[in-house]
């Protein structure tokens, strides 16, 4: 009789236990969720580098988080010199009309977009100024590697690198980097 009562008591506790926490309501308990704050029931991770809510920048020449990972480009396709072309990674949800209006009001021209939250801009402002703008998570120099088709540089020097010297060319360069 004691065994039956004990089994019934354990079954009652298990049946009445609350489900594990699931802050984002995606059906995946927080202790197994790859992105606790974002509804993602499939747990999809498109880059295989971490979790669904990482802050990666997806450029044709590479994928990286500008605050925690270095860009891995060939040295002959990078520069530390501020060229007037930059990428701005918006904070989550900030890459919208309000951010574009803010940038336009500061004389910063948006020349292209990558992945919804990354803008390529042209400006005479300094990199440090861009990184301090409200709504901007990270800013960096738009590298020459992002303007050259990877097919041209794999295993050999690029023979016809693209340079961005005008707004039309910049749009073409930025668009080519995403193709």
N, C-alpha and C. Protein backbone atom coordinates (compact mmCIF):
# COMPACT_ATOMS: atom_id res chain seq x y z
N UNK A 1 0.83 -1.19 0.00
CA UNK A 1 0.00 0.00 0.00
C UNK A 1 0.87 1.26 0.00
N UNK A 2 1.97 1.24 0.80
CA UNK A 2 2.85 2.40 0.84
C UNK A 2 3.47 2.66 -0.52
N UNK A 3 3.82 1.62 -1.27
CA UNK A 3 4.43 1.76 -2.59
C UNK A 3 3.47 2.43 -3.56
N UNK A 4 2.20 2.04 -3.52
CA UNK A 4 1.19 2.61 -4.41
C UNK A 4 1.00 4.08 -4.09
N UNK A 5 0.94 4.45 -2.81
CA UNK A 5 0.75 5.84 -2.40
C UNK A 5 1.95 6.68 -2.85
N UNK A 6 3.16 6.14 -2.67
CA UNK A 6 4.37 6.87 -3.08
C UNK A 6 4.39 7.10 -4.59
N UNK A 7 4.04 6.07 -5.37
CA UNK A 7 4.01 6.22 -6.83
C UNK A 7 2.97 7.26 -7.23
N UNK A 8 1.82 7.24 -6.61
CA UNK A 8 0.78 8.22 -6.92
C UNK A 8 1.24 9.62 -6.54
N UNK A 9 1.95 9.77 -5.43
CA UNK A 9 2.44 11.08 -5.00
C UNK A 9 3.47 11.62 -5.99
N UNK A 10 4.39 10.78 -6.46
CA UNK A 10 5.39 11.20 -7.44
C UNK A 10 4.71 11.57 -8.75
N UNK A 11 3.76 10.79 -9.20
CA UNK A 11 3.02 11.07 -10.43
C UNK A 11 2.28 12.39 -10.32
N UNK A 12 1.71 12.70 -9.17
CA UNK A 12 0.99 13.96 -8.98
C UNK A 12 1.94 15.14 -9.04
N UNK A 13 3.14 15.02 -8.46
CA UNK A 13 4.13 16.11 -8.50
C UNK A 13 4.59 16.35 -9.93
N UNK A 14 4.86 15.25 -10.67
CA UNK A 14 5.30 15.39 -12.05
C UNK A 14 4.21 16.03 -12.89
N UNK A 15 2.98 15.60 -12.72
CA UNK A 15 1.86 16.12 -13.51
C UNK A 15 1.59 17.58 -13.20
N UNK A 16 1.86 18.03 -11.97
CA UNK A 16 1.57 19.40 -11.57
C UNK A 16 2.76 20.33 -11.70
N UNK A 17 3.92 19.83 -12.10
CA UNK A 17 5.10 20.67 -12.24
C UNK A 17 4.90 21.63 -13.40
N UNK A 18 5.28 22.88 -13.20
CA UNK A 18 5.14 23.84 -14.30
C UNK A 18 6.12 23.51 -15.41
N UNK A 19 5.80 23.87 -16.64
CA UNK A 19 6.74 23.61 -17.73
C UNK A 19 8.00 24.44 -17.53
N UNK A 20 9.11 24.01 -18.12
CA UNK A 20 10.34 24.79 -17.97
C UNK A 20 10.16 26.18 -18.60
N UNK A 21 10.94 27.14 -18.14
CA UNK A 21 10.81 28.50 -18.66
C UNK A 21 11.08 28.57 -20.17
N UNK A 22 10.28 29.38 -20.85
CA UNK A 22 10.42 29.61 -22.29
C UNK A 22 10.09 31.09 -22.53
N UNK A 23 11.05 31.95 -22.24
CA UNK A 23 10.82 33.41 -22.28
C UNK A 23 10.33 33.93 -23.62
N UNK A 24 10.77 33.33 -24.73
CA UNK A 24 10.36 33.86 -26.03
C UNK A 24 9.12 33.16 -26.59
N UNK A 25 8.60 32.16 -25.86
CA UNK A 25 7.36 31.50 -26.26
C UNK A 25 7.43 30.70 -27.54
N UNK A 26 8.62 30.21 -27.90
CA UNK A 26 8.76 29.46 -29.15
C UNK A 26 8.62 27.95 -28.97
N UNK A 27 8.31 27.50 -27.74
CA UNK A 27 8.13 26.08 -27.50
C UNK A 27 9.41 25.33 -27.17
N UNK A 28 10.53 26.04 -27.13
CA UNK A 28 11.81 25.43 -26.81
C UNK A 28 12.24 25.97 -25.45
N UNK A 29 12.41 25.11 -24.43
CA UNK A 29 12.79 25.60 -23.11
C UNK A 29 14.10 26.41 -23.16
N UNK A 30 14.16 27.43 -22.32
CA UNK A 30 15.33 28.33 -22.31
C UNK A 30 16.65 27.60 -22.21
N UNK A 31 16.71 26.49 -21.45
CA UNK A 31 17.97 25.79 -21.27
C UNK A 31 18.42 25.05 -22.54
N UNK A 32 17.53 24.93 -23.53
CA UNK A 32 17.90 24.30 -24.81
C UNK A 32 17.77 25.27 -25.99
N UNK A 33 17.31 26.48 -25.74
CA UNK A 33 17.05 27.46 -26.79
C UNK A 33 18.36 28.12 -27.22
N UNK A 34 18.62 28.19 -28.53
CA UNK A 34 19.86 28.79 -29.01
C UNK A 34 19.79 30.31 -29.07
N UNK A 35 18.61 30.85 -28.81
CA UNK A 35 18.44 32.30 -28.77
C UNK A 35 17.24 32.60 -27.89
N UNK A 36 17.47 32.73 -26.61
CA UNK A 36 16.41 32.80 -25.61
C UNK A 36 15.46 33.97 -25.83
N UNK A 37 15.94 35.08 -26.34
CA UNK A 37 15.09 36.27 -26.47
C UNK A 37 14.39 36.43 -27.80
N UNK A 38 14.55 35.48 -28.73
CA UNK A 38 13.96 35.62 -30.06
C UNK A 38 13.12 34.39 -30.37
N UNK A 39 11.86 34.61 -30.79
CA UNK A 39 10.97 33.52 -31.17
C UNK A 39 11.56 32.81 -32.39
N UNK A 40 12.03 31.59 -32.20
CA UNK A 40 12.61 30.80 -33.30
C UNK A 40 12.40 29.31 -33.01
N UNK A 41 11.17 28.83 -33.24
CA UNK A 41 10.86 27.44 -32.90
C UNK A 41 11.69 26.41 -33.65
N UNK A 42 12.22 26.75 -34.82
CA UNK A 42 13.03 25.78 -35.57
C UNK A 42 14.47 25.75 -35.11
N UNK A 43 14.89 26.75 -34.31
CA UNK A 43 16.27 26.85 -33.83
C UNK A 43 17.25 26.95 -35.00
N UNK A 44 16.79 27.52 -36.10
CA UNK A 44 17.60 27.66 -37.30
C UNK A 44 18.79 28.57 -37.05
N UNK A 45 19.95 28.18 -37.52
CA UNK A 45 21.18 28.97 -37.43
C UNK A 45 21.80 28.99 -38.82
N UNK A 46 21.57 30.06 -39.56
CA UNK A 46 21.92 30.07 -40.97
C UNK A 46 23.41 30.08 -41.26
N UNK A 47 24.24 30.44 -40.29
CA UNK A 47 25.67 30.46 -40.59
C UNK A 47 26.47 29.39 -39.86
N UNK A 48 25.83 28.64 -38.96
CA UNK A 48 26.52 27.57 -38.26
C UNK A 48 27.60 28.04 -37.30
N UNK A 49 27.61 29.34 -37.00
CA UNK A 49 28.67 29.90 -36.16
C UNK A 49 28.23 30.16 -34.74
N UNK A 50 27.03 29.82 -34.38
CA UNK A 50 26.64 30.13 -33.02
C UNK A 50 25.17 29.90 -32.81
N UNK A 51 24.40 30.95 -32.87
CA UNK A 51 22.98 30.83 -32.61
C UNK A 51 22.19 31.78 -33.51
N UNK A 52 20.89 31.63 -33.44
CA UNK A 52 20.03 32.37 -34.36
C UNK A 52 20.04 33.87 -34.13
N UNK A 53 20.44 34.32 -32.97
CA UNK A 53 20.38 35.76 -32.72
C UNK A 53 21.76 36.40 -32.64
N UNK A 54 22.74 35.78 -33.30
CA UNK A 54 24.05 36.41 -33.32
C UNK A 54 23.99 37.67 -34.19
N UNK A 55 24.98 38.49 -34.07
CA UNK A 55 24.99 39.78 -34.75
C UNK A 55 25.96 39.77 -35.93
N UNK A 56 25.92 38.74 -36.72
CA UNK A 56 26.85 38.65 -37.84
C UNK A 56 26.51 39.61 -38.96
N UNK A 57 27.54 40.07 -39.62
CA UNK A 57 27.42 40.83 -40.85
C UNK A 57 27.68 39.84 -41.97
N UNK A 58 26.77 39.78 -42.92
CA UNK A 58 26.89 38.83 -44.03
C UNK A 58 27.27 39.61 -45.29
N UNK A 59 28.55 39.59 -45.62
CA UNK A 59 29.04 40.22 -46.84
C UNK A 59 29.55 39.12 -47.76
N UNK A 60 29.60 39.39 -49.02
CA UNK A 60 30.02 38.36 -49.97
C UNK A 60 31.42 37.83 -49.64
N UNK A 61 32.29 38.71 -49.17
CA UNK A 61 33.66 38.30 -48.89
C UNK A 61 33.81 37.58 -47.56
N UNK A 62 32.78 37.57 -46.73
CA UNK A 62 32.89 36.88 -45.46
C UNK A 62 31.76 37.20 -44.50
N UNK A 63 31.69 36.44 -43.44
CA UNK A 63 30.69 36.60 -42.40
C UNK A 63 31.42 36.79 -41.08
N UNK A 64 31.04 37.81 -40.31
CA UNK A 64 31.71 38.08 -39.05
C UNK A 64 30.83 38.96 -38.17
N UNK A 65 31.09 38.93 -36.87
CA UNK A 65 30.48 39.86 -35.93
C UNK A 65 31.50 40.97 -35.72
N UNK A 66 31.21 42.19 -36.14
CA UNK A 66 32.22 43.24 -36.10
C UNK A 66 32.71 43.61 -34.71
N UNK A 67 31.97 43.23 -33.67
CA UNK A 67 32.43 43.54 -32.32
C UNK A 67 33.20 42.41 -31.66
N UNK A 68 33.11 41.20 -32.22
CA UNK A 68 33.79 40.10 -31.55
C UNK A 68 34.66 39.23 -32.45
N UNK A 69 34.61 39.42 -33.75
CA UNK A 69 35.41 38.61 -34.66
C UNK A 69 36.13 39.51 -35.66
N UNK A 70 37.35 39.20 -35.97
CA UNK A 70 38.04 39.99 -36.99
C UNK A 70 37.55 39.62 -38.38
N UNK A 71 37.60 40.59 -39.29
CA UNK A 71 37.34 40.28 -40.69
C UNK A 71 38.54 39.48 -41.18
N UNK A 72 38.31 38.45 -41.94
CA UNK A 72 39.40 37.60 -42.43
C UNK A 72 39.54 37.76 -43.94
N UNK A 73 40.20 38.82 -44.33
CA UNK A 73 40.42 39.09 -45.74
C UNK A 73 41.91 39.04 -46.02
N UNK A 74 42.23 38.84 -47.28
CA UNK A 74 43.64 38.89 -47.68
C UNK A 74 44.19 40.28 -47.39
N UNK A 75 45.42 40.35 -46.90
CA UNK A 75 46.01 41.65 -46.56
C UNK A 75 46.04 42.64 -47.73
N UNK A 76 46.21 42.14 -48.95
CA UNK A 76 46.25 43.06 -50.09
C UNK A 76 44.87 43.58 -50.48
N UNK A 77 43.81 43.10 -49.80
CA UNK A 77 42.45 43.56 -50.07
C UNK A 77 41.83 44.24 -48.87
N UNK A 78 42.68 44.74 -47.96
CA UNK A 78 42.19 45.46 -46.79
C UNK A 78 42.91 46.78 -46.64
N UNK A 79 42.32 47.65 -45.85
CA UNK A 79 42.94 48.94 -45.57
C UNK A 79 42.54 49.41 -44.18
N UNK A 80 43.41 50.16 -43.54
CA UNK A 80 43.09 50.83 -42.28
C UNK A 80 42.72 52.28 -42.53
N UNK A 81 42.92 52.71 -43.77
CA UNK A 81 42.65 54.09 -44.15
C UNK A 81 41.14 54.29 -44.33
N UNK A 82 40.64 55.36 -43.78
CA UNK A 82 39.23 55.67 -43.93
C UNK A 82 39.01 56.23 -45.33
N UNK A 83 38.28 55.49 -46.13
CA UNK A 83 38.12 55.79 -47.56
C UNK A 83 36.89 56.63 -47.87
N UNK A 84 36.03 56.83 -46.88
CA UNK A 84 34.77 57.52 -47.12
C UNK A 84 33.61 56.56 -47.28
N UNK A 85 33.92 55.26 -47.42
CA UNK A 85 32.88 54.23 -47.50
C UNK A 85 32.98 53.37 -46.24
N UNK A 86 31.83 53.18 -45.60
CA UNK A 86 31.78 52.46 -44.33
C UNK A 86 30.58 51.52 -44.34
N UNK A 87 30.62 50.50 -43.48
CA UNK A 87 29.41 49.75 -43.21
C UNK A 87 28.95 50.13 -41.82
N UNK A 88 27.66 50.23 -41.65
CA UNK A 88 27.05 50.48 -40.35
C UNK A 88 26.13 49.31 -40.04
N UNK A 89 26.33 48.69 -38.90
CA UNK A 89 25.43 47.63 -38.48
C UNK A 89 24.46 48.26 -37.49
N UNK A 90 23.20 48.25 -37.85
CA UNK A 90 22.17 48.83 -36.99
C UNK A 90 21.90 47.92 -35.81
N UNK A 91 21.48 48.53 -34.72
CA UNK A 91 21.02 47.73 -33.59
C UNK A 91 19.76 47.01 -34.03
N UNK A 92 19.43 45.89 -33.39
CA UNK A 92 18.26 45.12 -33.78
C UNK A 92 17.05 46.03 -33.95
N UNK A 93 16.44 45.95 -35.11
CA UNK A 93 15.23 46.71 -35.38
C UNK A 93 15.44 48.17 -35.70
N UNK A 94 16.68 48.65 -35.72
CA UNK A 94 16.92 50.07 -35.93
C UNK A 94 17.14 50.45 -37.39
N UNK A 95 17.34 49.46 -38.27
CA UNK A 95 17.58 49.77 -39.69
C UNK A 95 16.25 50.03 -40.37
N UNK A 96 15.74 51.21 -40.13
CA UNK A 96 14.45 51.56 -40.70
C UNK A 96 14.49 52.98 -41.23
N UNK A 97 13.35 53.48 -41.56
CA UNK A 97 13.26 54.82 -42.15
C UNK A 97 13.82 55.89 -41.21
N UNK A 98 13.61 55.75 -39.90
CA UNK A 98 14.09 56.76 -38.95
C UNK A 98 15.62 56.84 -38.97
N UNK A 99 16.29 55.70 -39.03
CA UNK A 99 17.75 55.71 -39.08
C UNK A 99 18.23 56.33 -40.40
N UNK A 100 17.57 55.98 -41.49
CA UNK A 100 17.94 56.57 -42.78
C UNK A 100 17.76 58.09 -42.76
N UNK A 101 16.68 58.54 -42.17
CA UNK A 101 16.44 59.99 -42.08
C UNK A 101 17.50 60.66 -41.22
N UNK A 102 17.88 60.01 -40.12
CA UNK A 102 18.93 60.54 -39.26
C UNK A 102 20.23 60.67 -40.04
N UNK A 103 20.59 59.62 -40.77
CA UNK A 103 21.82 59.64 -41.55
C UNK A 103 21.76 60.73 -42.63
N UNK A 104 20.65 60.83 -43.33
CA UNK A 104 20.50 61.85 -44.37
C UNK A 104 20.63 63.24 -43.77
N UNK A 105 20.05 63.46 -42.59
CA UNK A 105 20.14 64.74 -41.92
C UNK A 105 21.57 65.11 -41.54
N UNK A 106 22.43 64.12 -41.41
CA UNK A 106 23.84 64.35 -41.09
C UNK A 106 24.71 64.39 -42.35
N UNK A 107 24.07 64.31 -43.52
CA UNK A 107 24.83 64.34 -44.77
C UNK A 107 25.49 63.01 -45.11
N UNK A 108 24.98 61.92 -44.54
CA UNK A 108 25.52 60.59 -44.79
C UNK A 108 24.64 59.89 -45.81
N UNK A 109 25.24 59.50 -46.94
CA UNK A 109 24.49 58.86 -48.01
C UNK A 109 24.50 57.35 -47.86
N UNK A 110 23.32 56.74 -47.84
CA UNK A 110 23.20 55.29 -47.84
C UNK A 110 23.30 54.83 -49.28
N UNK A 111 24.30 54.00 -49.59
CA UNK A 111 24.48 53.54 -50.97
C UNK A 111 24.03 52.10 -51.19
N UNK A 112 23.90 51.31 -50.11
CA UNK A 112 23.41 49.94 -50.28
C UNK A 112 23.07 49.35 -48.92
N UNK A 113 22.41 48.19 -48.97
CA UNK A 113 22.00 47.46 -47.78
C UNK A 113 22.46 46.01 -47.90
N UNK A 114 22.78 45.42 -46.76
CA UNK A 114 23.10 44.00 -46.69
C UNK A 114 22.29 43.41 -45.55
N UNK A 115 21.60 42.33 -45.81
CA UNK A 115 21.00 41.53 -44.76
C UNK A 115 20.05 42.32 -43.86
N UNK A 116 19.48 43.40 -44.32
CA UNK A 116 18.47 44.11 -43.56
C UNK A 116 18.97 45.02 -42.45
N UNK A 117 20.09 44.70 -41.82
CA UNK A 117 20.56 45.51 -40.70
C UNK A 117 21.93 46.13 -40.94
N UNK A 118 22.47 45.97 -42.13
CA UNK A 118 23.78 46.53 -42.45
C UNK A 118 23.62 47.49 -43.63
N UNK A 119 24.12 48.71 -43.43
CA UNK A 119 24.06 49.71 -44.48
C UNK A 119 25.47 50.05 -44.93
N UNK A 120 25.65 50.25 -46.22
CA UNK A 120 26.91 50.77 -46.73
C UNK A 120 26.65 52.26 -46.96
N UNK A 121 27.53 53.09 -46.39
CA UNK A 121 27.33 54.53 -46.48
C UNK A 121 28.57 55.22 -47.04
N UNK A 122 28.34 56.41 -47.57
CA UNK A 122 29.43 57.25 -48.03
C UNK A 122 29.32 58.56 -47.27
N UNK A 123 30.46 58.98 -46.70
CA UNK A 123 30.46 60.20 -45.89
C UNK A 123 31.88 60.68 -45.68
N UNK A 124 32.01 61.94 -45.32
CA UNK A 124 33.33 62.48 -44.96
C UNK A 124 33.53 62.41 -43.45
N UNK A 125 32.56 61.93 -42.73
CA UNK A 125 32.68 61.80 -41.27
C UNK A 125 33.69 60.71 -40.92
N UNK A 126 34.17 60.76 -39.69
CA UNK A 126 35.15 59.77 -39.22
C UNK A 126 34.46 58.52 -38.70
N UNK A 127 35.16 57.41 -38.76
CA UNK A 127 34.64 56.13 -38.31
C UNK A 127 34.15 56.21 -36.87
N UNK A 128 34.91 56.85 -36.00
CA UNK A 128 34.51 56.95 -34.58
C UNK A 128 33.18 57.68 -34.43
N UNK A 129 32.94 58.70 -35.25
CA UNK A 129 31.67 59.42 -35.20
C UNK A 129 30.51 58.51 -35.60
N UNK A 130 30.73 57.71 -36.64
CA UNK A 130 29.67 56.83 -37.13
C UNK A 130 29.31 55.77 -36.09
N UNK A 131 30.32 55.21 -35.44
CA UNK A 131 30.07 54.18 -34.43
C UNK A 131 29.33 54.70 -33.21
N UNK A 132 29.38 56.01 -32.98
CA UNK A 132 28.72 56.60 -31.82
C UNK A 132 27.29 57.07 -32.10
N UNK A 133 26.83 56.94 -33.33
CA UNK A 133 25.48 57.39 -33.69
C UNK A 133 24.42 56.53 -33.00
N UNK A 134 23.33 57.14 -32.54
CA UNK A 134 22.23 56.36 -31.97
C UNK A 134 21.69 55.37 -33.00
N UNK A 135 21.43 54.16 -32.58
CA UNK A 135 20.88 53.14 -33.46
C UNK A 135 21.93 52.33 -34.20
N UNK A 136 23.21 52.70 -34.04
CA UNK A 136 24.29 51.97 -34.71
C UNK A 136 24.99 51.07 -33.71
N UNK A 137 25.00 49.76 -33.97
CA UNK A 137 25.70 48.81 -33.10
C UNK A 137 27.19 48.80 -33.38
N UNK A 138 27.57 48.82 -34.67
CA UNK A 138 28.97 48.75 -35.04
C UNK A 138 29.18 49.48 -36.36
N UNK A 139 30.39 49.97 -36.54
CA UNK A 139 30.75 50.64 -37.79
C UNK A 139 32.15 50.19 -38.18
N UNK A 140 32.39 50.11 -39.46
CA UNK A 140 33.71 49.70 -39.93
C UNK A 140 33.97 50.24 -41.32
N UNK A 141 35.22 50.19 -41.71
CA UNK A 141 35.61 50.60 -43.04
C UNK A 141 35.09 49.55 -44.03
N UNK A 142 34.46 50.01 -45.07
CA UNK A 142 34.00 49.10 -46.12
C UNK A 142 35.23 48.71 -46.93
N UNK A 143 35.67 47.49 -46.73
CA UNK A 143 36.96 47.03 -47.23
C UNK A 143 36.95 46.78 -48.75
N UNK A 144 38.11 46.98 -49.38
CA UNK A 144 38.22 46.63 -50.80
C UNK A 144 37.83 45.18 -51.08
N UNK A 145 38.06 44.28 -50.14
CA UNK A 145 37.69 42.87 -50.33
C UNK A 145 36.19 42.72 -50.59
N UNK A 146 35.39 43.63 -50.06
CA UNK A 146 33.96 43.56 -50.27
C UNK A 146 33.53 44.10 -51.62
N UNK A 147 34.47 44.68 -52.35
CA UNK A 147 34.16 45.25 -53.66
C UNK A 147 34.68 44.39 -54.80
N UNK A 148 35.32 43.30 -54.48
CA UNK A 148 35.90 42.43 -55.50
C UNK A 148 35.22 41.07 -55.41
N UNK A 149 34.82 40.55 -56.54
CA UNK A 149 34.19 39.25 -56.56
C UNK A 149 35.17 38.21 -56.03
N UNK A 150 34.75 37.36 -55.08
CA UNK A 150 35.66 36.34 -54.54
C UNK A 150 36.25 35.44 -55.62
N UNK A 151 35.53 35.25 -56.73
CA UNK A 151 36.06 34.41 -57.80
C UNK A 151 37.34 34.99 -58.38
N UNK A 152 37.52 36.30 -58.28
CA UNK A 152 38.72 36.94 -58.82
C UNK A 152 39.93 36.81 -57.91
N UNK A 153 39.70 36.51 -56.62
CA UNK A 153 40.81 36.52 -55.68
C UNK A 153 41.15 35.17 -55.08
N UNK A 154 40.39 34.14 -55.35
CA UNK A 154 40.67 32.83 -54.79
C UNK A 154 41.94 32.28 -55.43
N UNK A 155 42.98 32.16 -54.65
CA UNK A 155 44.21 31.54 -55.10
C UNK A 155 45.07 32.40 -56.02
N UNK A 156 44.67 33.63 -56.30
CA UNK A 156 45.50 34.49 -57.14
C UNK A 156 45.14 35.94 -56.86
N UNK A 157 45.98 36.83 -57.29
CA UNK A 157 45.71 38.25 -57.12
C UNK A 157 44.59 38.67 -58.07
N UNK A 158 43.76 39.58 -57.61
CA UNK A 158 42.70 40.10 -58.48
C UNK A 158 43.33 40.88 -59.62
N UNK A 159 42.88 40.63 -60.81
CA UNK A 159 43.44 41.34 -61.97
C UNK A 159 42.66 42.58 -62.32
N UNK A 160 41.39 42.61 -61.93
CA UNK A 160 40.58 43.78 -62.24
C UNK A 160 39.78 44.19 -61.01
N UNK A 161 40.43 44.70 -59.97
CA UNK A 161 39.67 45.09 -58.79
C UNK A 161 38.75 46.25 -59.11
N UNK A 162 37.59 46.24 -58.48
CA UNK A 162 36.63 47.31 -58.66
C UNK A 162 36.93 48.40 -57.65
N UNK A 163 36.92 49.64 -58.06
CA UNK A 163 37.08 50.74 -57.14
C UNK A 163 35.82 51.57 -57.16
N UNK A 164 35.54 52.20 -56.07
CA UNK A 164 34.33 53.01 -55.95
C UNK A 164 34.73 54.47 -55.90
N UNK A 165 34.53 55.17 -57.00
CA UNK A 165 34.93 56.56 -57.06
C UNK A 165 33.77 57.51 -57.26
N UNK A 166 32.56 57.00 -57.44
CA UNK A 166 31.39 57.85 -57.56
C UNK A 166 30.20 57.12 -56.98
N UNK A 167 29.09 57.83 -56.79
CA UNK A 167 27.91 57.20 -56.20
C UNK A 167 27.44 56.04 -57.07
N UNK A 168 27.44 56.23 -58.38
CA UNK A 168 27.01 55.16 -59.27
C UNK A 168 27.93 53.95 -59.13
N UNK A 169 29.23 54.20 -59.12
CA UNK A 169 30.18 53.11 -58.99
C UNK A 169 30.04 52.45 -57.62
N UNK A 170 29.84 53.25 -56.58
CA UNK A 170 29.71 52.70 -55.23
C UNK A 170 28.52 51.76 -55.17
N UNK A 171 27.40 52.17 -55.74
CA UNK A 171 26.23 51.29 -55.74
C UNK A 171 26.53 49.99 -56.47
N UNK A 172 27.22 50.10 -57.60
CA UNK A 172 27.60 48.92 -58.35
C UNK A 172 28.53 48.03 -57.53
N UNK A 173 29.50 48.65 -56.86
CA UNK A 173 30.45 47.87 -56.04
C UNK A 173 29.73 47.16 -54.92
N UNK A 174 28.87 47.90 -54.21
CA UNK A 174 28.16 47.32 -53.09
C UNK A 174 27.21 46.22 -53.57
N UNK A 175 26.53 46.46 -54.68
CA UNK A 175 25.62 45.45 -55.22
C UNK A 175 26.40 44.22 -55.65
N UNK A 176 27.56 44.41 -56.25
CA UNK A 176 28.36 43.27 -56.69
C UNK A 176 28.82 42.44 -55.51
N UNK A 177 29.04 43.07 -54.37
CA UNK A 177 29.51 42.33 -53.19
C UNK A 177 28.45 41.39 -52.65
N UNK A 178 27.17 41.63 -52.98
CA UNK A 178 26.11 40.76 -52.46
C UNK A 178 25.68 39.71 -53.46
N UNK A 179 26.15 39.79 -54.70
CA UNK A 179 25.72 38.81 -55.70
C UNK A 179 26.43 37.49 -55.53
